[in-house]
N, C-alpha and C. Protein backbone atom coordinates (compact mmCIF):
# COMPACT_ATOMS: atom_id res chain seq x y z
N UNK A 1 49.04 -22.55 85.18
CA UNK A 1 49.02 -21.13 85.54
C UNK A 1 50.37 -20.49 85.27
N UNK A 2 50.96 -20.79 84.14
CA UNK A 2 52.31 -20.32 83.87
C UNK A 2 52.36 -19.25 82.79
N UNK A 3 51.22 -18.69 82.43
CA UNK A 3 51.25 -17.64 81.41
C UNK A 3 52.08 -16.46 81.89
N UNK A 4 52.94 -15.96 81.00
CA UNK A 4 53.81 -14.86 81.38
C UNK A 4 53.17 -13.51 81.10
N UNK A 5 53.93 -12.50 81.43
CA UNK A 5 53.48 -11.12 81.22
C UNK A 5 54.46 -10.47 80.28
N UNK A 6 53.97 -10.03 79.13
CA UNK A 6 54.84 -9.38 78.15
C UNK A 6 54.10 -8.25 77.50
N UNK A 7 54.46 -7.02 77.87
CA UNK A 7 53.86 -5.86 77.22
C UNK A 7 54.43 -5.67 75.82
N UNK A 8 55.63 -6.21 75.59
CA UNK A 8 56.23 -6.03 74.27
C UNK A 8 55.56 -6.89 73.21
N UNK A 9 54.97 -8.04 73.62
CA UNK A 9 54.43 -8.97 72.64
C UNK A 9 52.92 -9.08 72.70
N UNK A 10 52.25 -8.06 73.23
CA UNK A 10 50.79 -8.09 73.26
C UNK A 10 50.26 -8.16 71.84
N UNK A 11 49.25 -9.00 71.62
CA UNK A 11 48.74 -9.17 70.26
C UNK A 11 48.13 -7.89 69.73
N UNK A 12 48.35 -7.63 68.47
CA UNK A 12 47.76 -6.44 67.86
C UNK A 12 46.27 -6.65 67.69
N UNK A 13 45.49 -5.64 68.08
CA UNK A 13 44.05 -5.73 67.95
C UNK A 13 43.60 -5.25 66.59
N UNK A 14 42.32 -5.39 66.29
CA UNK A 14 41.82 -4.92 65.00
C UNK A 14 41.84 -3.40 64.93
N UNK A 15 41.83 -2.88 63.72
CA UNK A 15 41.73 -1.45 63.51
C UNK A 15 40.47 -0.95 64.21
N UNK A 16 40.64 0.06 65.08
CA UNK A 16 39.49 0.56 65.84
C UNK A 16 38.33 0.96 64.93
N UNK A 17 38.65 1.50 63.77
CA UNK A 17 37.58 1.98 62.88
C UNK A 17 36.72 0.84 62.36
N UNK A 18 37.23 -0.39 62.43
CA UNK A 18 36.46 -1.54 61.95
C UNK A 18 35.57 -2.13 63.05
N UNK A 19 35.70 -1.61 64.26
CA UNK A 19 34.94 -2.15 65.39
C UNK A 19 33.56 -1.52 65.46
N UNK A 20 32.61 -2.19 66.12
CA UNK A 20 31.30 -1.57 66.37
C UNK A 20 31.46 -0.28 67.18
N UNK A 21 30.51 0.61 67.05
CA UNK A 21 30.61 1.92 67.69
C UNK A 21 30.78 1.82 69.19
N UNK A 22 30.04 0.92 69.85
CA UNK A 22 30.15 0.83 71.30
C UNK A 22 31.56 0.42 71.72
N UNK A 23 32.20 -0.46 70.94
CA UNK A 23 33.57 -0.87 71.26
C UNK A 23 34.56 0.25 71.00
N UNK A 24 34.34 1.02 69.95
CA UNK A 24 35.22 2.17 69.70
C UNK A 24 35.14 3.17 70.84
N UNK A 25 33.94 3.39 71.35
CA UNK A 25 33.77 4.32 72.47
C UNK A 25 34.46 3.80 73.72
N UNK A 26 34.32 2.52 74.00
CA UNK A 26 34.96 1.95 75.19
C UNK A 26 36.48 2.03 75.08
N UNK A 27 37.04 1.69 73.92
CA UNK A 27 38.48 1.74 73.75
C UNK A 27 39.01 3.17 73.83
N UNK A 28 38.27 4.11 73.25
CA UNK A 28 38.68 5.51 73.34
C UNK A 28 38.64 5.99 74.78
N UNK A 29 37.59 5.61 75.49
CA UNK A 29 37.47 5.98 76.90
C UNK A 29 38.60 5.37 77.72
N UNK A 30 38.95 4.12 77.44
CA UNK A 30 40.07 3.49 78.15
C UNK A 30 41.34 4.31 77.99
N UNK A 31 41.65 4.67 76.77
CA UNK A 31 42.89 5.41 76.52
C UNK A 31 42.87 6.76 77.24
N UNK A 32 41.77 7.49 77.10
CA UNK A 32 41.70 8.83 77.67
C UNK A 32 41.64 8.80 79.19
N UNK A 33 40.84 7.90 79.75
CA UNK A 33 40.74 7.80 81.21
C UNK A 33 42.08 7.42 81.82
N UNK A 34 42.81 6.52 81.16
CA UNK A 34 44.11 6.10 81.69
C UNK A 34 45.12 7.26 81.65
N UNK A 35 45.04 8.08 80.61
CA UNK A 35 45.98 9.19 80.46
C UNK A 35 45.66 10.35 81.40
N UNK A 36 44.35 10.68 81.56
CA UNK A 36 43.97 11.92 82.23
C UNK A 36 43.18 11.71 83.52
N UNK A 37 42.64 10.55 83.72
CA UNK A 37 41.73 10.32 84.84
C UNK A 37 40.29 10.45 84.37
N UNK A 38 39.41 9.70 85.00
CA UNK A 38 38.01 9.66 84.56
C UNK A 38 37.36 11.04 84.61
N UNK A 39 37.54 11.74 85.71
CA UNK A 39 36.82 13.01 85.90
C UNK A 39 37.32 14.12 85.00
N UNK A 40 38.52 13.98 84.45
CA UNK A 40 39.10 15.02 83.60
C UNK A 40 38.72 14.86 82.13
N UNK A 41 37.98 13.82 81.80
CA UNK A 41 37.64 13.53 80.41
C UNK A 41 36.15 13.70 80.20
N UNK A 42 35.78 14.49 79.21
CA UNK A 42 34.37 14.70 78.90
C UNK A 42 33.88 13.66 77.90
N UNK A 43 32.56 13.50 77.86
CA UNK A 43 31.99 12.62 76.84
C UNK A 43 32.32 13.11 75.44
N UNK A 44 32.36 14.43 75.29
CA UNK A 44 32.69 14.99 73.97
C UNK A 44 34.09 14.55 73.53
N UNK A 45 35.04 14.54 74.48
CA UNK A 45 36.40 14.10 74.15
C UNK A 45 36.42 12.63 73.74
N UNK A 46 35.63 11.81 74.44
CA UNK A 46 35.55 10.39 74.09
C UNK A 46 34.94 10.22 72.71
N UNK A 47 33.87 10.97 72.44
CA UNK A 47 33.22 10.89 71.13
C UNK A 47 34.19 11.26 70.02
N UNK A 48 34.94 12.33 70.23
CA UNK A 48 35.87 12.79 69.22
C UNK A 48 36.95 11.73 68.96
N UNK A 49 37.49 11.16 70.03
CA UNK A 49 38.54 10.15 69.89
C UNK A 49 38.03 8.89 69.21
N UNK A 50 36.75 8.58 69.41
CA UNK A 50 36.17 7.37 68.83
C UNK A 50 35.59 7.61 67.44
N UNK A 51 35.53 8.88 67.01
CA UNK A 51 34.90 9.19 65.74
C UNK A 51 33.41 8.92 65.76
N UNK A 52 32.79 9.20 66.91
CA UNK A 52 31.35 8.95 67.09
C UNK A 52 30.63 10.26 67.35
N UNK A 53 29.29 10.21 67.36
CA UNK A 53 28.51 11.41 67.61
C UNK A 53 27.70 11.26 68.90
N UNK A 54 27.07 12.37 69.30
CA UNK A 54 26.32 12.39 70.56
C UNK A 54 25.23 11.33 70.56
N UNK A 55 24.55 11.19 69.46
CA UNK A 55 23.44 10.24 69.39
C UNK A 55 23.91 8.82 69.66
N UNK A 56 25.08 8.47 69.14
CA UNK A 56 25.57 7.10 69.32
C UNK A 56 25.94 6.84 70.77
N UNK A 57 26.51 7.85 71.45
CA UNK A 57 26.86 7.68 72.86
C UNK A 57 25.61 7.43 73.68
N UNK A 58 24.60 8.25 73.46
CA UNK A 58 23.37 8.11 74.25
C UNK A 58 22.62 6.83 73.88
N UNK A 59 22.75 6.40 72.64
CA UNK A 59 22.09 5.16 72.22
C UNK A 59 22.71 3.96 72.92
N UNK A 60 24.03 3.92 72.95
CA UNK A 60 24.72 2.74 73.49
C UNK A 60 24.85 2.78 75.02
N UNK A 61 25.01 3.97 75.59
CA UNK A 61 25.32 4.03 77.02
C UNK A 61 24.38 4.93 77.82
N UNK A 62 23.93 6.01 77.25
CA UNK A 62 23.01 6.89 77.94
C UNK A 62 23.67 7.96 78.77
N UNK A 63 24.83 7.67 79.34
CA UNK A 63 25.52 8.65 80.19
C UNK A 63 26.98 8.26 80.33
N UNK A 64 27.77 9.19 80.86
CA UNK A 64 29.18 8.89 81.11
C UNK A 64 29.32 7.82 82.17
N UNK A 65 28.49 7.88 83.21
CA UNK A 65 28.56 6.85 84.26
C UNK A 65 28.32 5.46 83.69
N UNK A 66 27.37 5.36 82.77
CA UNK A 66 27.08 4.06 82.16
C UNK A 66 28.24 3.59 81.27
N UNK A 67 28.91 4.55 80.62
CA UNK A 67 30.09 4.21 79.82
C UNK A 67 31.20 3.67 80.72
N UNK A 68 31.43 4.34 81.85
CA UNK A 68 32.44 3.88 82.80
C UNK A 68 32.11 2.47 83.29
N UNK A 69 30.84 2.25 83.60
CA UNK A 69 30.41 0.94 84.08
C UNK A 69 30.67 -0.14 83.02
N UNK A 70 30.33 0.16 81.77
CA UNK A 70 30.54 -0.81 80.69
C UNK A 70 32.02 -1.08 80.48
N UNK A 71 32.83 -0.04 80.57
CA UNK A 71 34.28 -0.18 80.41
C UNK A 71 34.85 -1.09 81.49
N UNK A 72 34.44 -0.86 82.74
CA UNK A 72 34.95 -1.68 83.84
C UNK A 72 34.49 -3.12 83.71
N UNK A 73 33.24 -3.30 83.31
CA UNK A 73 32.66 -4.64 83.24
C UNK A 73 33.27 -5.47 82.12
N UNK A 74 33.62 -4.84 81.01
CA UNK A 74 34.08 -5.61 79.86
C UNK A 74 35.32 -6.44 80.20
N UNK A 75 36.36 -5.79 80.66
CA UNK A 75 37.57 -6.53 81.02
C UNK A 75 37.44 -7.14 82.41
N UNK A 76 36.70 -6.48 83.29
CA UNK A 76 36.49 -7.04 84.62
C UNK A 76 35.80 -8.39 84.56
N UNK A 77 34.86 -8.52 83.64
CA UNK A 77 34.19 -9.80 83.47
C UNK A 77 35.15 -10.88 83.00
N UNK A 78 36.10 -10.50 82.14
CA UNK A 78 37.10 -11.46 81.67
C UNK A 78 38.01 -11.90 82.82
N UNK A 79 38.39 -10.94 83.67
CA UNK A 79 39.22 -11.28 84.83
C UNK A 79 38.46 -12.22 85.76
N UNK A 80 37.20 -11.92 86.02
CA UNK A 80 36.39 -12.77 86.90
C UNK A 80 36.24 -14.18 86.34
N UNK A 81 35.98 -14.27 85.03
CA UNK A 81 35.83 -15.59 84.40
C UNK A 81 37.13 -16.38 84.51
N UNK A 82 38.25 -15.73 84.25
CA UNK A 82 39.54 -16.41 84.32
C UNK A 82 39.84 -16.86 85.75
N UNK A 83 39.55 -16.01 86.72
CA UNK A 83 39.76 -16.41 88.11
C UNK A 83 38.89 -17.60 88.47
N UNK A 84 37.66 -17.59 88.01
CA UNK A 84 36.76 -18.72 88.28
C UNK A 84 37.32 -20.01 87.71
N UNK A 85 37.86 -19.93 86.49
CA UNK A 85 38.46 -21.12 85.87
C UNK A 85 39.64 -21.63 86.70
N UNK A 86 40.48 -20.72 87.15
CA UNK A 86 41.65 -21.12 87.93
C UNK A 86 41.24 -21.68 89.29
N UNK A 87 40.25 -21.06 89.93
CA UNK A 87 39.77 -21.58 91.21
C UNK A 87 39.11 -22.94 91.04
N UNK A 88 38.36 -23.11 89.95
CA UNK A 88 37.77 -24.42 89.67
C UNK A 88 38.86 -25.49 89.56
N UNK A 89 39.94 -25.16 88.86
CA UNK A 89 41.04 -26.10 88.68
C UNK A 89 41.71 -26.42 90.01
N UNK A 90 41.90 -25.39 90.83
CA UNK A 90 42.52 -25.59 92.15
C UNK A 90 41.66 -26.49 93.02
N UNK A 91 40.36 -26.23 93.02
CA UNK A 91 39.45 -27.04 93.83
C UNK A 91 39.41 -28.48 93.33
N UNK A 92 39.39 -28.66 92.02
CA UNK A 92 39.31 -30.01 91.45
C UNK A 92 40.56 -30.83 91.75
N UNK A 93 41.72 -30.16 91.79
CA UNK A 93 42.98 -30.86 92.03
C UNK A 93 43.32 -30.98 93.51
N UNK A 94 42.59 -30.25 94.36
CA UNK A 94 42.90 -30.24 95.78
C UNK A 94 44.22 -29.57 96.09
N UNK A 95 44.63 -28.65 95.21
CA UNK A 95 45.95 -28.01 95.32
C UNK A 95 45.82 -26.57 95.81
N UNK A 96 45.01 -26.36 96.82
CA UNK A 96 44.83 -25.00 97.35
C UNK A 96 45.93 -24.67 98.34
N UNK A 97 46.81 -23.76 97.94
CA UNK A 97 47.86 -23.23 98.80
C UNK A 97 47.85 -21.72 98.66
N UNK A 98 48.55 -21.04 99.55
CA UNK A 98 48.63 -19.59 99.42
C UNK A 98 49.22 -19.20 98.07
N UNK A 99 50.18 -19.98 97.60
CA UNK A 99 50.84 -19.67 96.32
C UNK A 99 49.89 -19.86 95.14
N UNK A 100 49.19 -21.00 95.09
CA UNK A 100 48.30 -21.22 93.94
C UNK A 100 47.15 -20.21 93.95
N UNK A 101 46.69 -19.83 95.14
CA UNK A 101 45.62 -18.84 95.21
C UNK A 101 46.13 -17.45 94.83
N UNK A 102 47.37 -17.14 95.21
CA UNK A 102 47.96 -15.86 94.80
C UNK A 102 48.09 -15.80 93.28
N UNK A 103 48.48 -16.91 92.66
CA UNK A 103 48.57 -16.94 91.20
C UNK A 103 47.20 -16.74 90.57
N UNK A 104 46.19 -17.40 91.13
CA UNK A 104 44.82 -17.24 90.61
C UNK A 104 44.32 -15.82 90.79
N UNK A 105 44.83 -15.13 91.78
CA UNK A 105 44.43 -13.75 92.06
C UNK A 105 45.11 -12.78 91.09
N UNK A 106 46.41 -12.95 90.90
CA UNK A 106 47.21 -11.96 90.17
C UNK A 106 47.22 -12.19 88.66
N UNK A 107 47.39 -13.44 88.24
CA UNK A 107 47.62 -13.70 86.82
C UNK A 107 46.49 -13.21 85.90
N UNK A 108 45.22 -13.34 86.27
CA UNK A 108 44.18 -12.84 85.36
C UNK A 108 44.29 -11.35 85.07
N UNK A 109 44.79 -10.58 86.04
CA UNK A 109 45.00 -9.15 85.81
C UNK A 109 46.18 -8.95 84.87
N UNK A 110 47.26 -9.69 85.12
CA UNK A 110 48.44 -9.60 84.26
C UNK A 110 48.11 -10.00 82.83
N UNK A 111 47.24 -10.98 82.67
CA UNK A 111 46.86 -11.43 81.33
C UNK A 111 46.12 -10.35 80.55
N UNK A 112 45.44 -9.46 81.25
CA UNK A 112 44.80 -8.35 80.56
C UNK A 112 45.84 -7.41 79.95
N UNK A 113 46.95 -7.21 80.66
CA UNK A 113 48.03 -6.40 80.10
C UNK A 113 48.60 -7.07 78.85
N UNK A 114 48.84 -8.37 78.94
CA UNK A 114 49.38 -9.10 77.79
C UNK A 114 48.42 -9.07 76.61
N UNK A 115 47.13 -8.88 76.89
CA UNK A 115 46.11 -8.83 75.82
C UNK A 115 45.81 -7.41 75.37
N UNK A 116 46.62 -6.44 75.81
CA UNK A 116 46.42 -5.06 75.38
C UNK A 116 45.57 -4.23 76.31
N UNK A 117 45.35 -4.70 77.53
CA UNK A 117 44.48 -3.99 78.47
C UNK A 117 45.20 -3.18 79.52
N UNK A 118 46.40 -2.70 79.21
CA UNK A 118 47.16 -1.91 80.19
C UNK A 118 46.36 -0.70 80.67
N UNK A 119 45.68 -0.02 79.76
CA UNK A 119 44.92 1.17 80.14
C UNK A 119 43.84 0.82 81.15
N UNK A 120 43.17 -0.31 80.96
CA UNK A 120 42.12 -0.73 81.90
C UNK A 120 42.70 -0.96 83.29
N UNK A 121 43.85 -1.63 83.37
CA UNK A 121 44.49 -1.88 84.67
C UNK A 121 44.86 -0.56 85.33
N UNK A 122 45.37 0.38 84.54
CA UNK A 122 45.72 1.70 85.07
C UNK A 122 44.50 2.43 85.60
N UNK A 123 43.39 2.34 84.88
CA UNK A 123 42.15 2.98 85.32
C UNK A 123 41.68 2.40 86.65
N UNK A 124 41.67 1.08 86.76
CA UNK A 124 41.23 0.45 88.00
C UNK A 124 42.15 0.83 89.16
N UNK A 125 43.46 0.88 88.91
CA UNK A 125 44.40 1.30 89.94
C UNK A 125 44.08 2.72 90.41
N UNK A 126 43.77 3.61 89.47
CA UNK A 126 43.42 4.98 89.84
C UNK A 126 42.14 5.06 90.63
N UNK A 127 41.15 4.26 90.27
CA UNK A 127 39.88 4.24 90.99
C UNK A 127 40.09 3.77 92.43
N UNK A 128 40.88 2.69 92.59
CA UNK A 128 41.15 2.18 93.93
C UNK A 128 41.93 3.20 94.75
N UNK A 129 42.95 3.80 94.14
CA UNK A 129 43.80 4.74 94.87
C UNK A 129 43.11 6.03 95.25
N UNK A 130 42.12 6.45 94.47
CA UNK A 130 41.45 7.73 94.73
C UNK A 130 40.08 7.58 95.39
N UNK A 131 39.66 6.34 95.59
CA UNK A 131 38.32 6.06 96.12
C UNK A 131 37.24 6.74 95.27
N UNK A 132 37.43 6.66 93.98
CA UNK A 132 36.47 7.20 93.03
C UNK A 132 35.12 6.51 93.23
N UNK A 133 34.00 7.20 92.97
CA UNK A 133 32.68 6.56 93.12
C UNK A 133 32.53 5.25 92.35
N UNK A 134 33.28 5.09 91.27
CA UNK A 134 33.20 3.85 90.49
C UNK A 134 33.78 2.66 91.25
N UNK A 135 34.42 2.90 92.40
CA UNK A 135 34.99 1.81 93.18
C UNK A 135 33.94 0.77 93.55
N UNK A 136 32.72 1.22 93.79
CA UNK A 136 31.66 0.27 94.17
C UNK A 136 31.41 -0.75 93.06
N UNK A 137 31.56 -0.34 91.80
CA UNK A 137 31.37 -1.27 90.69
C UNK A 137 32.45 -2.35 90.71
N UNK A 138 33.66 -1.96 91.08
CA UNK A 138 34.77 -2.92 91.13
C UNK A 138 34.57 -3.90 92.28
N UNK A 139 34.23 -3.38 93.46
CA UNK A 139 34.07 -4.26 94.61
C UNK A 139 32.87 -5.19 94.43
N UNK A 140 31.80 -4.68 93.82
CA UNK A 140 30.64 -5.54 93.56
C UNK A 140 31.01 -6.68 92.61
N UNK A 141 31.79 -6.35 91.60
CA UNK A 141 32.20 -7.37 90.63
C UNK A 141 33.13 -8.41 91.22
N UNK A 142 33.92 -8.00 92.22
CA UNK A 142 34.89 -8.91 92.83
C UNK A 142 34.26 -9.77 93.93
N UNK A 143 33.10 -9.39 94.42
CA UNK A 143 32.51 -10.05 95.59
C UNK A 143 32.39 -11.57 95.45
N UNK A 144 31.89 -12.10 94.32
CA UNK A 144 31.79 -13.57 94.23
C UNK A 144 33.14 -14.27 94.35
N UNK A 145 34.18 -13.70 93.70
CA UNK A 145 35.51 -14.29 93.84
C UNK A 145 36.04 -14.14 95.26
N UNK A 146 35.77 -13.01 95.88
CA UNK A 146 36.24 -12.79 97.25
C UNK A 146 35.71 -13.85 98.19
N UNK A 147 34.44 -14.22 98.00
CA UNK A 147 33.87 -15.27 98.85
C UNK A 147 34.58 -16.61 98.63
N UNK A 148 34.90 -16.91 97.39
CA UNK A 148 35.60 -18.17 97.11
C UNK A 148 37.02 -18.16 97.67
N UNK A 149 37.73 -17.06 97.47
CA UNK A 149 39.08 -16.96 98.03
C UNK A 149 39.04 -17.07 99.56
N UNK A 150 38.07 -16.39 100.17
CA UNK A 150 37.95 -16.42 101.63
C UNK A 150 37.69 -17.83 102.12
N UNK A 151 36.82 -18.55 101.44
CA UNK A 151 36.50 -19.92 101.84
C UNK A 151 37.72 -20.84 101.70
N UNK A 152 38.43 -20.73 100.58
CA UNK A 152 39.59 -21.59 100.36
C UNK A 152 40.72 -21.27 101.33
N UNK A 153 40.97 -20.00 101.56
CA UNK A 153 42.01 -19.61 102.51
C UNK A 153 41.63 -20.00 103.93
N UNK A 154 40.33 -19.89 104.25
CA UNK A 154 39.87 -20.29 105.57
C UNK A 154 40.06 -21.77 105.83
N UNK A 155 39.93 -22.58 104.78
CA UNK A 155 40.14 -24.02 104.93
C UNK A 155 41.62 -24.35 105.14
N UNK A 156 42.50 -23.56 104.50
CA UNK A 156 43.94 -23.78 104.67
C UNK A 156 44.42 -23.27 106.02
N UNK A 157 43.88 -22.13 106.42
CA UNK A 157 44.30 -21.48 107.67
C UNK A 157 43.09 -21.28 108.57
N UNK A 158 42.60 -22.34 109.21
CA UNK A 158 41.37 -22.24 110.01
C UNK A 158 41.49 -21.31 111.21
N UNK A 159 42.72 -21.01 111.62
CA UNK A 159 42.91 -20.13 112.78
C UNK A 159 42.89 -18.65 112.40
N UNK A 160 42.82 -18.36 111.11
CA UNK A 160 42.78 -16.96 110.66
C UNK A 160 41.33 -16.53 110.51
N UNK A 161 40.91 -15.47 111.23
CA UNK A 161 39.52 -15.02 111.13
C UNK A 161 39.17 -14.58 109.71
N UNK A 162 37.90 -14.75 109.36
CA UNK A 162 37.45 -14.36 108.02
C UNK A 162 37.69 -12.88 107.77
N UNK A 163 37.55 -12.05 108.79
CA UNK A 163 37.75 -10.61 108.59
C UNK A 163 39.21 -10.32 108.24
N UNK A 164 40.14 -11.10 108.81
CA UNK A 164 41.55 -10.93 108.48
C UNK A 164 41.82 -11.33 107.04
N UNK A 165 41.21 -12.43 106.61
CA UNK A 165 41.36 -12.87 105.22
C UNK A 165 40.81 -11.82 104.27
N UNK A 166 39.64 -11.27 104.60
CA UNK A 166 39.05 -10.24 103.73
C UNK A 166 39.93 -9.00 103.67
N UNK A 167 40.51 -8.62 104.81
CA UNK A 167 41.42 -7.48 104.83
C UNK A 167 42.62 -7.75 103.92
N UNK A 168 43.17 -8.95 104.03
CA UNK A 168 44.33 -9.29 103.21
C UNK A 168 43.98 -9.28 101.72
N UNK A 169 42.79 -9.74 101.39
CA UNK A 169 42.38 -9.73 99.98
C UNK A 169 42.25 -8.32 99.44
N UNK A 170 41.72 -7.39 100.26
CA UNK A 170 41.62 -6.01 99.79
C UNK A 170 43.01 -5.41 99.57
N UNK A 171 43.95 -5.75 100.45
CA UNK A 171 45.31 -5.25 100.27
C UNK A 171 45.98 -5.89 99.05
N UNK A 172 45.70 -7.17 98.83
CA UNK A 172 46.24 -7.84 97.65
C UNK A 172 45.69 -7.22 96.37
N UNK A 173 44.41 -6.86 96.38
CA UNK A 173 43.82 -6.23 95.20
C UNK A 173 44.48 -4.88 94.93
N UNK A 174 44.60 -4.06 95.96
CA UNK A 174 45.21 -2.75 95.79
C UNK A 174 46.64 -2.88 95.28
N UNK A 175 47.41 -3.76 95.89
CA UNK A 175 48.81 -3.95 95.50
C UNK A 175 48.92 -4.44 94.05
N UNK A 176 48.09 -5.39 93.68
CA UNK A 176 48.16 -5.96 92.33
C UNK A 176 47.91 -4.91 91.27
N UNK A 177 46.86 -4.11 91.46
CA UNK A 177 46.54 -3.11 90.44
C UNK A 177 47.53 -1.95 90.45
N UNK A 178 48.00 -1.55 91.64
CA UNK A 178 48.97 -0.45 91.69
C UNK A 178 50.28 -0.86 91.01
N UNK A 179 50.72 -2.09 91.25
CA UNK A 179 51.98 -2.55 90.65
C UNK A 179 51.86 -2.73 89.14
N UNK A 180 50.79 -3.38 88.70
CA UNK A 180 50.64 -3.66 87.27
C UNK A 180 50.09 -2.47 86.50
N UNK A 181 49.42 -1.55 87.21
CA UNK A 181 48.87 -0.37 86.54
C UNK A 181 49.92 0.62 86.09
N UNK A 182 51.11 0.55 86.71
CA UNK A 182 52.23 1.40 86.28
C UNK A 182 53.47 0.53 86.23
N UNK A 183 53.41 -0.51 85.43
CA UNK A 183 54.48 -1.50 85.37
C UNK A 183 55.81 -0.87 84.97
N UNK A 184 55.79 -0.02 83.96
CA UNK A 184 57.04 0.58 83.50
C UNK A 184 57.59 1.55 84.54
N UNK A 185 56.71 2.28 85.23
CA UNK A 185 57.16 3.16 86.29
C UNK A 185 57.82 2.39 87.42
N UNK A 186 57.22 1.24 87.77
CA UNK A 186 57.80 0.39 88.81
C UNK A 186 59.16 -0.14 88.39
N UNK A 187 59.28 -0.57 87.14
CA UNK A 187 60.57 -1.07 86.65
C UNK A 187 61.62 0.04 86.62
N UNK A 188 61.19 1.26 86.29
CA UNK A 188 62.13 2.39 86.29
C UNK A 188 62.62 2.68 87.70
N UNK A 189 61.72 2.62 88.69
CA UNK A 189 62.12 2.85 90.08
C UNK A 189 63.11 1.79 90.55
N UNK A 190 62.85 0.55 90.18
CA UNK A 190 63.78 -0.53 90.54
C UNK A 190 65.14 -0.32 89.88
N UNK A 191 65.13 0.14 88.64
CA UNK A 191 66.38 0.35 87.91
C UNK A 191 67.24 1.42 88.59
N UNK A 192 66.60 2.41 89.21
CA UNK A 192 67.34 3.46 89.91
C UNK A 192 68.15 2.90 91.06
N UNK A 193 67.67 1.79 91.63
CA UNK A 193 68.41 1.16 92.73
C UNK A 193 69.33 0.05 92.24
N UNK A 194 69.47 -0.05 90.91
CA UNK A 194 70.35 -1.05 90.34
C UNK A 194 69.71 -2.39 90.11
N UNK A 195 68.39 -2.48 90.29
CA UNK A 195 67.67 -3.74 90.09
C UNK A 195 66.90 -3.68 88.79
N UNK A 196 67.26 -4.52 87.86
CA UNK A 196 66.59 -4.53 86.56
C UNK A 196 65.81 -5.83 86.41
N UNK A 197 64.50 -5.69 86.33
CA UNK A 197 63.63 -6.86 86.22
C UNK A 197 62.82 -6.78 84.93
N UNK A 198 62.67 -7.91 84.29
CA UNK A 198 61.79 -8.01 83.13
C UNK A 198 60.34 -7.98 83.61
N UNK A 199 59.38 -7.74 82.72
CA UNK A 199 57.97 -7.80 83.14
C UNK A 199 57.61 -9.13 83.79
N UNK A 200 58.11 -10.24 83.24
CA UNK A 200 57.81 -11.55 83.82
C UNK A 200 58.41 -11.69 85.22
N UNK A 201 59.58 -11.11 85.43
CA UNK A 201 60.21 -11.17 86.76
C UNK A 201 59.43 -10.32 87.75
N UNK A 202 58.93 -9.17 87.31
CA UNK A 202 58.08 -8.35 88.19
C UNK A 202 56.84 -9.14 88.58
N UNK A 203 56.25 -9.82 87.62
CA UNK A 203 55.05 -10.61 87.90
C UNK A 203 55.33 -11.68 88.94
N UNK A 204 56.44 -12.39 88.82
CA UNK A 204 56.77 -13.43 89.80
C UNK A 204 57.01 -12.83 91.18
N UNK A 205 57.68 -11.69 91.24
CA UNK A 205 57.89 -11.02 92.53
C UNK A 205 56.55 -10.59 93.14
N UNK A 206 55.65 -10.12 92.29
CA UNK A 206 54.34 -9.69 92.78
C UNK A 206 53.56 -10.89 93.32
N UNK A 207 53.60 -12.00 92.62
CA UNK A 207 52.91 -13.20 93.11
C UNK A 207 53.51 -13.66 94.43
N UNK A 208 54.84 -13.60 94.55
CA UNK A 208 55.48 -13.94 95.82
C UNK A 208 54.97 -13.04 96.95
N UNK A 209 54.85 -11.75 96.65
CA UNK A 209 54.42 -10.80 97.67
C UNK A 209 52.96 -11.04 98.07
N UNK A 210 52.09 -11.29 97.10
CA UNK A 210 50.70 -11.58 97.41
C UNK A 210 50.59 -12.90 98.18
N UNK A 211 51.44 -13.87 97.85
CA UNK A 211 51.47 -15.12 98.62
C UNK A 211 51.77 -14.83 100.08
N UNK A 212 52.75 -13.97 100.33
CA UNK A 212 53.11 -13.62 101.71
C UNK A 212 51.96 -12.92 102.43
N UNK A 213 51.22 -12.09 101.70
CA UNK A 213 50.08 -11.39 102.30
C UNK A 213 49.00 -12.39 102.71
N UNK A 214 48.75 -13.38 101.86
CA UNK A 214 47.65 -14.31 102.10
C UNK A 214 47.99 -15.42 103.08
N UNK A 215 49.28 -15.71 103.25
CA UNK A 215 49.67 -16.93 103.96
C UNK A 215 49.69 -16.78 105.47
N UNK A 216 49.23 -17.83 106.15
CA UNK A 216 49.46 -18.03 107.56
C UNK A 216 48.71 -17.15 108.52
N UNK A 217 48.66 -17.60 109.79
CA UNK A 217 48.01 -16.80 110.83
C UNK A 217 48.88 -15.62 111.22
N UNK A 218 48.27 -14.56 111.78
CA UNK A 218 49.06 -13.42 112.23
C UNK A 218 50.01 -13.84 113.35
N UNK A 219 51.22 -13.34 113.32
CA UNK A 219 52.23 -13.67 114.34
C UNK A 219 52.15 -12.64 115.46
N UNK A 220 51.19 -12.87 116.37
CA UNK A 220 51.04 -11.90 117.47
C UNK A 220 50.43 -12.58 118.68
């Protein structure tokens, strides 16, 4: 679980014009939604940015809501799959600690940034922060992982109620997306206080913070 976070070295993707129409629409929507917010972007703007027509949008998605759902699911599914792989490895090795679980929680999101998915992370952060109606799609997609994290954390900390673990997981999710969704803004704020961190250093600090959120019984 040592993959780093580097926005500078994200692999170059294929020319958008060479992609299937549905992928061009999703990528265009990612860029526009991240820049302006979901509600401020029309389907017409997405079509124009993707070089597509009305018929293609309705053929592939049917509506803007369906486009948003497909956009969230595409990278969200990759995050879920990666988390499942990491949790499988943790369970197989018997190495379940707050730290290894925090890494399994945070790193799959960071890996999306390294793979060119910064806009997607920014969109999810905005949805969580604004309680946008699309939030239900995110929470539904996270539910299977949440149950696994809750079970593993409950085994490590049997004195911590399940509701407390679930609360901590929701806070960890919000923190992870807010921090990584505006990584450069966060680094700029730190620089104002004289603290200069590389993207990889921010990631390690974030994992440390999520570890602290997940670890131990409440001190009360």
